[in-house]
Amino acid sequence: MTTDASKSAGTQAKGGKSPRTEPGPGPAGRWAAIGTSGLALLPLALLGAAFWFGRLVRPGGDDWCFLPVVRDGGAAGMIGKFFLHDNGRIANALLVIGYGAFGVPGHQWFALVSGVLMLGILWALVASALRSAGLTAPRGLALLVGATTAALLFFATPNPYKAFYWPASSVSHTVAPVLACAAVIPLLRARTRRGRDFALGVAYLAGMFIGTLSEETAIVAVVVLAATLLMSRWALPGAGRTRTRVWCVVAFAGVAVGVAILYLSPGARFRRGRFGADSTSMFGPEALTASLRAFAHVLVTVFTTWQYLGAVAVGVLLGLLVRGGEPGTDVPDGSLRRRPLLLVLVGFLSFLVSGYLCIVVAHPAFGAGAGTASRIWGDFLLLYVLLLVGAGALLGRWLRARRWGIRTATAGVAAVMCAASCVGLAVPLFRLERQMDVRAQRWDRQDRTLREGAARGARVLPYTPVSVSGMLEPFGDHGRRAWPAKCVAQYYRLEKITHSTRLP
């Protein structure tokens, strides 16, 4: 029977390329596939439960002001509100229309639709990256990595409700960075001239979209693109390096155009004036120092959240179980292979720089609360989670050269850590579900009362604040905060709502 080595030698003798190292069909390969597929069920079950809990979401905060505009003014009204009056985020307005056009059911379906979309993108990103690197993996491994990454992005933050369930926040700070990752997939899968041209077109359009969707995600994208251009000298050979650099330049141009449209919009000018960002520079010494203190608080919170170790653990499994890419295969052996820590260091430096700049940009609006407004962290936390997966994968690849017993024990510990991370995320999530259920019942009861009162011809009706996870409601802070009372009155076609302490 011909051995793998003789096959490789025969192929090279004929002038062909060495074949990829495929995972064998033997018992070890089958058990690896069964193990990774079984382990993937844990984050998938967590995500499935979270999607189901989405049925308990009810409008709150900015949603009160979006819904009447979508209902009465349609797409044109919503785009005009954002571009001319609010913040200039045209792409954000389009996503709001996508769920706001369906009213309350749109909010209830948002978690399922956006969650499945983001999970699919992260899964495809991992699979495409493995394929592009000439690596093969057991069935279920790419799904395990994608699902774990999604679960950590959605639920490891201090306020999962605002990060995942609240549409107004999620589209800007959770969906936005995942959509930015989606633009990379055509580049990773391109094999022909037409495919590479398509990847360039996607990069430019995606850059424009992100630039008009989220300032913070645009900052992260620019920093990562700059780091990629810098690292391409060591990471990629010949033609691959040139193609990647061209792609980065095109993507950067798209982001620049999008940010310019947003920055010059009447809505953005109005927003800067409202928060004093024009008169008091956000890049002044005092503002930069305050932003640094806020970002330090963010880092302390993130670095002490132990559930993120699940990203390292799933990365270790990735490094241990993938096949291919060793010397003798058709994967280029760049100098970066001999200096993997360089990639890790540049990656974490990119995370620190982009995260700090995101806080700097958010500081005029949030002030001293920029370090505790965890809903804006998602723009750079996805990069953090992916870096942890990458660092774990490098560790796993290094451990593959160790003894079989060490590799097996490491894989077992990593699997246990993945499971523990999912459990650690599940406990607060189920606690949140109970709070959401209580709020949904109270919200529905009050909604019926207000609709019935408006139908009878009432012009002024009482309203009791019904909040969850720190969501802003009319008459919050013991009745001292009126916003968004006018929006609630407009939603129910009333002239005014008054503060009440008793639910109907």
Protein backbone atom coordinates (compact mmCIF):
# COMPACT_ATOMS: atom_id res chain seq x y z
CA MET A 1 0.00 0.00 0.00
CA THR A 2 1.39 3.46 -0.93
CA THR A 3 2.24 5.63 2.07
CA ASP A 4 1.49 9.33 2.40
CA ALA A 5 5.20 10.10 2.19
CA SER A 6 5.61 8.17 -1.07
CA LYS A 7 2.55 9.92 -2.52
CA SER A 8 4.02 13.30 -1.60
CA ALA A 9 7.38 12.38 -3.09
CA GLY A 10 5.72 11.16 -6.29
CA THR A 11 3.76 14.36 -6.62
CA GLN A 12 6.86 16.48 -6.15
CA ALA A 13 8.79 14.35 -8.65
CA LYS A 14 6.18 15.18 -11.27
CA GLY A 15 6.57 18.89 -10.54
CA GLY A 16 3.27 19.20 -8.71
CA LYS A 17 2.56 20.71 -5.35
CA SER A 18 2.55 18.72 -2.17
CA PRO A 19 -0.97 17.76 -1.10
CA ARG A 20 -2.60 19.18 2.00
CA THR A 21 -2.43 17.07 5.08
CA GLU A 22 -5.97 15.80 5.58
CA PRO A 23 -7.25 14.44 8.85
CA GLY A 24 -7.26 10.70 8.60
CA PRO A 25 -10.47 8.72 8.44
CA GLY A 26 -9.31 6.49 11.27
CA PRO A 27 -10.68 6.30 14.80
CA ALA A 28 -8.74 9.36 15.99
CA GLY A 29 -10.21 11.55 13.24
CA ARG A 30 -13.73 10.26 13.85
CA TRP A 31 -13.48 10.80 17.61
CA ALA A 32 -12.16 14.34 17.04
CA ALA A 33 -15.14 15.12 14.80
CA ILE A 34 -17.58 13.64 17.32
CA GLY A 35 -15.95 15.51 20.20
CA THR A 36 -15.92 18.92 18.51
CA SER A 37 -19.46 18.51 17.21
CA GLY A 38 -20.67 17.52 20.66
CA LEU A 39 -18.86 20.38 22.33
CA ALA A 40 -20.33 22.82 19.80
CA LEU A 41 -23.78 21.91 21.09
CA LEU A 42 -23.06 23.82 24.32
CA PRO A 43 -22.63 27.32 22.85
CA LEU A 44 -25.32 26.53 20.29
CA ALA A 45 -27.75 25.60 23.06
CA LEU A 46 -26.87 28.83 24.86
CA LEU A 47 -27.45 30.85 21.70
CA GLY A 48 -30.68 28.98 20.98
CA ALA A 49 -32.03 29.80 24.43
CA ALA A 50 -31.01 33.44 24.00
CA PHE A 51 -32.79 33.61 20.65
CA TRP A 52 -35.94 32.22 22.28
CA PHE A 53 -35.75 34.81 25.06
CA GLY A 54 -35.89 37.48 22.38
CA ARG A 55 -39.67 37.06 22.27
CA LEU A 56 -39.75 38.98 25.58
CA VAL A 57 -38.15 42.14 24.15
CA ARG A 58 -40.31 45.24 24.19
CA PRO A 59 -39.47 48.76 22.93
CA GLY A 60 -37.60 51.09 25.25
CA GLY A 61 -35.14 53.97 25.18
CA ASP A 62 -34.55 55.25 21.65
CA ASP A 63 -37.07 52.73 20.27
CA TRP A 64 -39.89 54.95 21.51
CA CYS A 65 -38.67 57.73 19.19
CA PHE A 66 -37.91 55.49 16.19
CA LEU A 67 -41.22 53.65 15.97
CA PRO A 68 -43.51 56.66 15.37
CA VAL A 69 -41.17 57.99 12.66
CA VAL A 70 -41.07 54.66 10.81
CA ARG A 71 -44.84 54.29 11.15
CA ASP A 72 -45.73 57.80 10.00
CA GLY A 73 -42.83 58.75 7.72
CA GLY A 74 -41.63 55.40 6.37
CA ALA A 75 -38.08 54.88 5.14
CA ALA A 76 -37.69 58.48 3.96
CA GLY A 77 -38.73 59.81 7.34
CA MET A 78 -36.30 57.58 9.23
CA ILE A 79 -33.36 58.37 6.94
CA GLY A 80 -34.17 62.08 7.17
CA LYS A 81 -34.32 61.89 10.98
CA PHE A 82 -30.87 60.32 11.22
CA PHE A 83 -29.12 62.23 8.43
CA LEU A 84 -30.61 65.67 9.05
CA HIS A 85 -31.26 65.77 12.78
CA ASP A 86 -29.80 62.95 14.91
CA ASN A 87 -26.30 61.74 14.02
CA GLY A 88 -25.86 61.33 10.25
CA ARG A 89 -25.78 57.51 10.35
CA ILE A 90 -27.60 56.61 7.13
CA ALA A 91 -26.77 52.89 7.32
CA ASN A 92 -27.98 52.86 10.90
CA ALA A 93 -31.30 54.29 9.72
CA LEU A 94 -31.63 51.52 7.13
CA LEU A 95 -31.16 48.81 9.77
CA VAL A 96 -33.64 50.53 12.09
CA ILE A 97 -36.17 50.50 9.25
CA GLY A 98 -35.53 46.78 8.83
CA TYR A 99 -36.90 45.91 12.25
CA GLY A 100 -38.88 49.06 13.10
CA ALA A 101 -41.22 48.64 10.13
CA PHE A 102 -42.71 45.59 11.90
CA GLY A 103 -43.38 47.43 15.16
CA VAL A 104 -43.18 45.44 18.38
CA PRO A 105 -42.89 42.06 16.55
CA GLY A 106 -39.79 43.44 14.81
CA HIS A 107 -38.17 43.93 18.22
CA GLN A 108 -39.19 40.43 19.29
CA TRP A 109 -37.69 38.84 16.17
CA PHE A 110 -34.55 40.99 16.20
CA ALA A 111 -32.51 38.73 18.49
CA LEU A 112 -33.25 35.63 16.40
CA VAL A 113 -32.62 37.22 13.01
CA SER A 114 -29.53 39.22 13.97
CA GLY A 115 -28.15 36.40 16.11
CA VAL A 116 -28.42 33.77 13.37
CA LEU A 117 -26.92 36.22 10.87
CA MET A 118 -23.94 37.01 13.09
CA LEU A 119 -23.40 33.35 13.99
CA GLY A 120 -23.42 32.44 10.31
CA ILE A 121 -20.90 35.16 9.48
CA LEU A 122 -18.50 34.14 12.25
CA TRP A 123 -18.82 30.46 11.29
CA ALA A 124 -18.12 31.28 7.64
CA LEU A 125 -15.21 33.53 8.64
CA VAL A 126 -13.48 30.74 10.58
CA ALA A 127 -14.09 28.16 7.85
CA SER A 128 -12.86 30.55 5.14
CA ALA A 129 -9.73 31.44 7.13
CA LEU A 130 -8.88 27.76 7.57
CA ARG A 131 -9.40 27.11 3.88
CA SER A 132 -7.33 30.11 2.87
CA ALA A 133 -4.47 28.94 5.11
CA GLY A 134 -4.58 25.46 3.59
CA LEU A 135 -5.79 23.89 6.83
CA THR A 136 -8.45 21.27 7.37
CA ALA A 137 -10.33 20.63 10.58
CA PRO A 138 -12.67 17.99 12.02
CA ARG A 139 -16.34 18.51 11.33
CA GLY A 140 -17.88 20.88 13.82
CA LEU A 141 -14.68 22.67 14.81
CA ALA A 142 -15.31 25.81 12.75
CA LEU A 143 -18.88 25.91 14.09
CA LEU A 144 -17.57 25.49 17.66
CA VAL A 145 -15.20 28.43 17.24
CA GLY A 146 -17.85 30.62 15.59
CA ALA A 147 -20.54 29.81 18.16
CA THR A 148 -18.21 30.38 21.12
CA THR A 149 -17.06 33.70 19.67
CA ALA A 150 -20.68 34.79 19.16
CA ALA A 151 -21.71 33.77 22.68
CA LEU A 152 -18.82 35.70 24.24
CA LEU A 153 -19.50 38.78 22.12
CA PHE A 154 -23.20 38.78 23.02
CA PHE A 155 -23.21 37.79 26.69
CA ALA A 156 -19.79 38.33 28.33
CA THR A 157 -20.37 42.08 28.61
CA PRO A 158 -21.71 43.63 31.84
CA ASN A 159 -25.07 44.35 30.17
CA PRO A 160 -26.05 41.64 27.64
CA TYR A 161 -29.51 43.17 27.20
CA LYS A 162 -28.16 46.37 25.69
CA ALA A 163 -25.44 44.55 23.75
CA PHE A 164 -27.69 41.93 22.15
CA TYR A 165 -31.40 42.44 22.77
CA TRP A 166 -31.80 46.19 22.45
CA PRO A 167 -31.92 46.76 18.68
CA ALA A 168 -30.99 50.43 18.78
CA SER A 169 -27.70 49.58 20.47
CA SER A 170 -27.00 46.21 18.88
CA VAL A 171 -27.10 47.40 15.27
CA SER A 172 -24.46 50.06 16.03
CA HIS A 173 -22.10 48.22 18.35
CA THR A 174 -22.65 44.46 18.00
CA VAL A 175 -23.94 43.85 14.48
CA ALA A 176 -21.61 46.49 12.99
CA PRO A 177 -18.25 44.80 13.81
CA VAL A 178 -19.56 41.41 12.67
CA LEU A 179 -20.67 42.92 9.36
CA ALA A 180 -17.16 44.35 9.01
CA CYS A 181 -15.79 40.80 9.41
CA ALA A 182 -18.18 39.59 6.71
CA ALA A 183 -16.38 41.80 4.18
CA VAL A 184 -13.22 39.71 4.68
CA ILE A 185 -14.86 36.43 3.62
CA PRO A 186 -14.86 37.11 -0.17
CA LEU A 187 -11.14 37.95 0.04
CA LEU A 188 -10.38 34.71 1.86
CA ARG A 189 -12.38 32.63 -0.64
CA ALA A 190 -11.28 34.35 -3.85
CA ARG A 191 -9.48 32.00 -6.23
CA THR A 192 -10.00 33.69 -9.60
CA ARG A 193 -9.61 37.17 -11.05
CA ARG A 194 -13.36 37.65 -10.99
CA GLY A 195 -13.48 36.52 -7.36
CA ARG A 196 -10.75 38.98 -6.38
CA ASP A 197 -12.54 41.83 -8.19
CA PHE A 198 -15.73 40.91 -6.35
CA ALA A 199 -13.82 40.98 -3.04
CA LEU A 200 -12.57 44.50 -3.82
CA GLY A 201 -16.09 45.69 -4.62
CA VAL A 202 -17.42 44.21 -1.38
CA ALA A 203 -14.56 45.82 0.57
CA TYR A 204 -15.37 49.30 -0.77
CA LEU A 205 -19.14 49.07 -0.31
CA ALA A 206 -18.80 47.48 3.12
CA GLY A 207 -16.37 50.22 4.13
CA MET A 208 -18.87 52.91 3.13
CA PHE A 209 -21.66 51.09 4.95
CA ILE A 210 -19.62 50.73 8.15
CA GLY A 211 -18.51 54.37 7.92
CA THR A 212 -22.15 55.50 7.97
CA LEU A 213 -23.23 52.91 10.55
CA SER A 214 -20.86 53.22 13.50
CA GLU A 215 -18.01 55.64 14.14
CA GLU A 216 -16.46 53.24 16.65
CA THR A 217 -16.48 50.23 14.32
CA ALA A 218 -15.01 52.46 11.59
CA ILE A 219 -12.13 53.31 13.94
CA VAL A 220 -11.47 49.65 14.69
CA ALA A 221 -11.58 48.84 10.97
CA VAL A 222 -9.04 51.56 10.12
CA VAL A 223 -6.63 50.44 12.86
CA VAL A 224 -6.89 46.78 11.83
CA LEU A 225 -6.39 47.63 8.15
CA ALA A 226 -3.28 49.66 9.02
CA ALA A 227 -1.93 46.78 11.12
CA THR A 228 -2.62 44.33 8.28
CA LEU A 229 -0.75 46.51 5.82
CA LEU A 230 2.17 46.63 8.23
CA MET A 231 2.20 42.88 8.91
CA SER A 232 1.72 41.85 5.28
CA ARG A 233 5.45 42.32 4.76
CA TRP A 234 6.15 39.34 7.02
CA ALA A 235 2.88 37.40 6.86
CA LEU A 236 2.29 36.94 3.15
CA PRO A 237 4.42 36.02 0.15
CA GLY A 238 4.55 37.63 -3.32
CA ALA A 239 1.22 37.93 -5.09
CA GLY A 240 -0.78 37.25 -1.92
CA ARG A 241 0.87 40.21 -0.23
CA THR A 242 0.06 42.54 -3.13
CA ARG A 243 -3.57 41.41 -3.36
CA THR A 244 -4.07 41.87 0.38
CA ARG A 245 -2.52 45.33 0.35
CA VAL A 246 -4.75 46.42 -2.54
CA TRP A 247 -7.78 45.06 -0.72
CA CYS A 248 -6.84 46.96 2.45
CA VAL A 249 -6.39 50.22 0.54
CA VAL A 250 -9.77 49.82 -1.18
CA ALA A 251 -11.49 48.99 2.12
CA PHE A 252 -9.83 51.98 3.77
CA ALA A 253 -11.06 54.22 0.94
CA GLY A 254 -14.60 52.96 1.45
CA VAL A 255 -14.46 53.63 5.19
CA ALA A 256 -13.04 57.10 4.57
CA VAL A 257 -15.86 57.99 2.17
CA GLY A 258 -18.47 56.69 4.59
CA VAL A 259 -17.01 58.58 7.55
CA ALA A 260 -16.80 61.76 5.46
CA ILE A 261 -20.48 61.46 4.54
CA LEU A 262 -21.38 60.96 8.19
CA TYR A 263 -19.12 63.69 9.57
CA LEU A 264 -20.31 66.34 7.10
CA SER A 265 -24.00 65.50 7.51
CA PRO A 266 -26.34 68.04 9.17
CA GLY A 267 -27.26 65.44 11.77
CA ALA A 268 -23.65 64.90 12.84
CA ARG A 269 -23.08 68.67 13.06
CA PHE A 270 -26.18 69.00 15.21
CA ARG A 271 -25.04 66.16 17.47
CA ARG A 272 -21.57 67.66 17.91
CA GLY A 273 -23.15 70.99 18.81
CA ARG A 274 -25.52 69.38 21.29
CA PHE A 275 -22.67 67.69 23.18
CA GLY A 276 -20.22 70.55 22.81
CA ALA A 277 -17.81 68.49 20.72
CA ASP A 278 -17.13 71.46 18.45
CA SER A 279 -16.30 73.97 21.19
CA THR A 280 -14.41 71.61 23.47
CA SER A 281 -12.09 69.40 21.48
CA MET A 282 -12.32 65.72 22.28
CA PHE A 283 -8.57 65.56 21.63
CA GLY A 284 -7.65 68.13 24.26
CA PRO A 285 -5.40 67.05 27.16
CA GLU A 286 -8.23 66.91 29.71
CA ALA A 287 -10.54 64.94 27.41
CA LEU A 288 -7.77 62.49 26.45
CA THR A 289 -6.84 61.95 30.10
CA ALA A 290 -10.46 61.35 31.08
CA SER A 291 -10.84 58.91 28.18
CA LEU A 292 -7.71 57.09 29.29
CA ARG A 293 -9.11 56.65 32.78
CA ALA A 294 -12.38 55.40 31.32
CA PHE A 295 -10.58 52.94 29.04
CA ALA A 296 -8.51 51.69 31.99
CA HIS A 297 -11.80 50.85 33.72
CA VAL A 298 -12.93 49.01 30.60
CA LEU A 299 -9.72 46.96 30.51
CA VAL A 300 -9.96 46.04 34.19
CA THR A 301 -13.53 44.83 33.64
CA VAL A 302 -12.69 42.89 30.48
CA PHE A 303 -9.46 41.32 31.76
CA THR A 304 -11.19 40.12 34.94
CA THR A 305 -14.13 38.54 33.09
CA TRP A 306 -13.03 34.90 33.28
CA GLN A 307 -15.54 33.69 30.68
CA TYR A 308 -13.26 35.10 27.96
CA LEU A 309 -10.91 32.20 28.74
CA GLY A 310 -13.36 30.17 26.68
CA ALA A 311 -12.00 31.95 23.59
CA VAL A 312 -8.44 30.89 24.47
CA ALA A 313 -9.63 27.35 25.13
CA VAL A 314 -11.46 27.02 21.82
CA GLY A 315 -8.38 28.45 20.11
CA VAL A 316 -6.19 25.77 21.72
CA LEU A 317 -8.54 23.10 20.37
CA LEU A 318 -8.32 24.74 16.96
CA GLY A 319 -4.53 24.64 17.03
CA LEU A 320 -4.42 21.06 18.25
CA LEU A 321 -6.92 19.59 15.81
CA VAL A 322 -6.32 21.34 12.48
CA ARG A 323 -4.15 19.59 9.91
CA GLY A 324 -1.99 21.08 7.18
CA GLY A 325 0.32 24.03 7.07
CA GLU A 326 3.33 22.06 8.28
CA PRO A 327 6.62 22.21 6.35
CA GLY A 328 6.31 20.07 3.23
CA THR A 329 2.77 21.10 2.34
CA ASP A 330 1.65 23.61 -0.27
CA VAL A 331 1.14 26.38 2.29
CA PRO A 332 3.77 29.13 1.95
CA ASP A 333 6.22 29.19 4.84
CA GLY A 334 6.59 32.91 5.52
CA SER A 335 8.96 34.37 8.07
CA LEU A 336 5.97 35.08 10.34
CA ARG A 337 5.82 31.35 11.14
CA ARG A 338 9.12 31.72 12.94
CA ARG A 339 7.91 34.80 14.85
CA PRO A 340 4.29 34.13 15.82
CA LEU A 341 4.49 36.38 18.87
CA LEU A 342 4.96 39.34 16.55
CA LEU A 343 1.47 38.80 15.15
CA VAL A 344 -0.01 38.48 18.65
CA LEU A 345 1.71 41.63 19.89
CA VAL A 346 0.62 43.70 16.89
CA GLY A 347 -2.91 42.36 17.24
CA PHE A 348 -3.22 43.28 20.91
CA LEU A 349 -1.65 46.66 20.27
CA SER A 350 -4.34 47.22 17.63
CA PHE A 351 -6.97 46.28 20.19
CA LEU A 352 -5.60 48.74 22.74
CA VAL A 353 -5.26 51.60 20.26
CA SER A 354 -8.67 51.11 18.64
CA GLY A 355 -10.41 50.57 21.98
CA TYR A 356 -8.97 53.76 23.44
CA LEU A 357 -9.90 55.76 20.33
CA CYS A 358 -13.46 54.41 20.55
CA ILE A 359 -13.71 55.73 24.10
CA VAL A 360 -12.26 59.07 22.99
CA VAL A 361 -14.95 59.40 20.29
CA ALA A 362 -17.72 58.34 22.69
CA HIS A 363 -16.57 60.58 25.55
CA PRO A 364 -18.34 63.80 24.42
CA ALA A 365 -21.71 62.01 24.45
CA PHE A 366 -21.21 59.80 27.53
CA GLY A 367 -18.87 61.97 29.60
CA ALA A 368 -17.67 60.28 32.77
CA GLY A 369 -19.94 57.32 31.93
CA ALA A 370 -17.94 56.36 28.82
CA GLY A 371 -16.07 53.74 30.82
CA THR A 372 -19.24 52.12 32.16
CA ALA A 373 -21.42 52.31 29.02
CA SER A 374 -20.69 48.71 28.11
CA ARG A 375 -23.03 48.75 25.11
CA ILE A 376 -20.37 50.63 23.11
CA TRP A 377 -17.65 48.10 23.93
CA GLY A 378 -18.79 45.58 21.32
CA ASP A 379 -17.10 47.56 18.55
CA PHE A 380 -13.67 46.54 19.84
CA LEU A 381 -14.53 43.48 21.95
CA LEU A 382 -15.03 41.31 18.87
CA LEU A 383 -11.41 42.02 17.95
CA TYR A 384 -10.40 41.07 21.50
CA VAL A 385 -12.24 37.74 21.35
CA LEU A 386 -10.78 36.88 17.93
CA LEU A 387 -7.29 37.72 19.20
CA LEU A 388 -7.78 35.39 22.15
CA VAL A 389 -8.85 32.63 19.77
CA GLY A 390 -5.78 33.30 17.62
CA ALA A 391 -3.43 33.27 20.62
CA GLY A 392 -4.96 30.00 21.78
CA ALA A 393 -4.54 28.53 18.30
CA LEU A 394 -0.83 29.43 18.28
CA LEU A 395 -0.47 27.77 21.68
CA GLY A 396 -2.28 24.71 20.39
CA ARG A 397 -0.02 24.48 17.34
CA TRP A 398 3.02 24.66 19.60
CA LEU A 399 1.64 21.92 21.84
CA ARG A 400 1.21 19.60 18.86
CA ALA A 401 4.95 18.99 18.95
CA ARG A 402 4.73 17.75 22.55
CA ARG A 403 4.05 14.22 23.74
CA TRP A 404 0.74 12.55 23.00
CA GLY A 405 -0.22 12.55 26.68
CA ILE A 406 0.38 16.29 27.01
CA ARG A 407 -1.69 16.98 23.90
CA THR A 408 -4.55 14.83 25.14
CA ALA A 409 -4.57 16.39 28.60
CA THR A 410 -4.46 19.90 27.11
CA ALA A 411 -7.38 19.12 24.81
CA GLY A 412 -9.36 17.81 27.77
CA VAL A 413 -8.66 20.92 29.86
CA ALA A 414 -9.58 23.16 26.92
CA ALA A 415 -12.87 21.32 26.41
CA VAL A 416 -13.72 21.66 30.10
CA MET A 417 -12.89 25.38 29.95
CA CYS A 418 -15.18 25.83 26.94
CA ALA A 419 -18.01 24.13 28.80
CA ALA A 420 -17.38 26.16 31.96
CA SER A 421 -17.41 29.38 29.95
CA CYS A 422 -20.81 28.51 28.48
CA VAL A 423 -22.19 27.73 31.94
CA GLY A 424 -20.73 30.98 33.26
CA LEU A 425 -22.57 32.88 30.53
CA ALA A 426 -25.80 30.93 30.97
CA VAL A 427 -26.38 31.75 34.65
CA PRO A 428 -26.75 35.55 34.26
CA LEU A 429 -28.56 35.07 30.95
CA PHE A 430 -31.33 32.99 32.58
CA ARG A 431 -31.51 35.55 35.38
CA LEU A 432 -31.98 38.23 32.73
CA GLU A 433 -34.73 36.17 31.10
CA ARG A 434 -36.79 36.31 34.28
CA GLN A 435 -36.40 40.09 34.43
CA MET A 436 -37.37 40.38 30.77
CA ASP A 437 -40.46 38.25 31.37
CA VAL A 438 -41.64 40.48 34.20
CA ARG A 439 -41.07 43.60 32.12
CA ALA A 440 -42.86 42.11 29.09
CA GLN A 441 -45.97 41.33 31.15
CA ARG A 442 -46.07 44.82 32.67
CA TRP A 443 -45.31 46.50 29.36
CA ASP A 444 -48.09 44.59 27.56
CA ARG A 445 -50.61 45.44 30.27
CA GLN A 446 -49.79 49.12 30.14
CA ASP A 447 -49.69 49.08 26.34
CA ARG A 448 -53.27 47.76 26.20
CA THR A 449 -54.45 50.42 28.65
CA LEU A 450 -52.83 53.26 26.71
CA ARG A 451 -54.20 52.03 23.38
CA GLU A 452 -57.68 51.64 24.79
CA GLY A 453 -57.51 55.09 26.33
CA ALA A 454 -56.33 56.67 23.06
CA ALA A 455 -59.12 54.86 21.19
CA ARG A 456 -61.69 56.41 23.56
CA GLY A 457 -60.39 59.87 22.67
CA ALA A 458 -58.18 60.58 25.69
CA ARG A 459 -55.39 63.11 25.04
CA VAL A 460 -53.43 62.80 28.32
CA LEU A 461 -52.81 59.50 30.10
CA PRO A 462 -50.61 58.35 32.99
CA TYR A 463 -47.48 56.26 32.34
CA THR A 464 -45.50 54.13 34.77
CA PRO A 465 -41.80 53.54 33.99
CA VAL A 466 -41.15 49.89 33.10
CA SER A 467 -37.42 49.31 32.68
CA VAL A 468 -34.98 46.41 32.48
CA SER A 469 -31.16 46.34 32.65
CA GLY A 470 -30.86 50.10 33.04
CA MET A 471 -32.91 50.92 29.96
CA LEU A 472 -34.09 54.54 29.88
CA GLU A 473 -37.82 55.00 30.32
CA PRO A 474 -40.00 58.12 30.65
CA PHE A 475 -39.92 59.53 34.19
CA GLY A 476 -36.90 57.56 35.23
CA ASP A 477 -34.71 58.58 38.17
CA HIS A 478 -37.80 58.81 40.42
CA GLY A 479 -39.70 60.94 37.92
CA ARG A 480 -36.96 63.52 37.36
CA ARG A 481 -35.97 62.35 33.84
CA ALA A 482 -38.77 63.06 31.35
CA TRP A 483 -37.11 61.71 28.20
CA PRO A 484 -38.50 60.04 26.08
CA ALA A 485 -41.98 61.02 27.28
CA LYS A 486 -42.77 63.03 24.14
CA CYS A 487 -41.88 60.06 21.95
CA VAL A 488 -44.13 57.74 23.97
CA ALA A 489 -47.03 60.18 23.62
CA GLN A 490 -46.41 60.36 19.87
CA TYR A 491 -46.30 56.55 19.66
CA TYR A 492 -49.76 56.27 21.25
CA ARG A 493 -51.07 59.37 19.40
CA LEU A 494 -51.51 61.31 22.63
CA GLU A 495 -50.74 64.92 23.44
CA LYS A 496 -48.96 64.10 26.66
CA ILE A 497 -48.24 61.39 29.21
CA THR A 498 -47.92 62.06 32.92
CA HIS A 499 -45.88 60.28 35.55
CA SER A 500 -47.60 57.51 37.51
CA THR A 501 -46.20 55.18 40.16
CA ARG A 502 -48.88 52.50 39.79
CA LEU A 503 -49.32 50.16 36.87
CA PRO A 504 -52.84 49.96 35.39
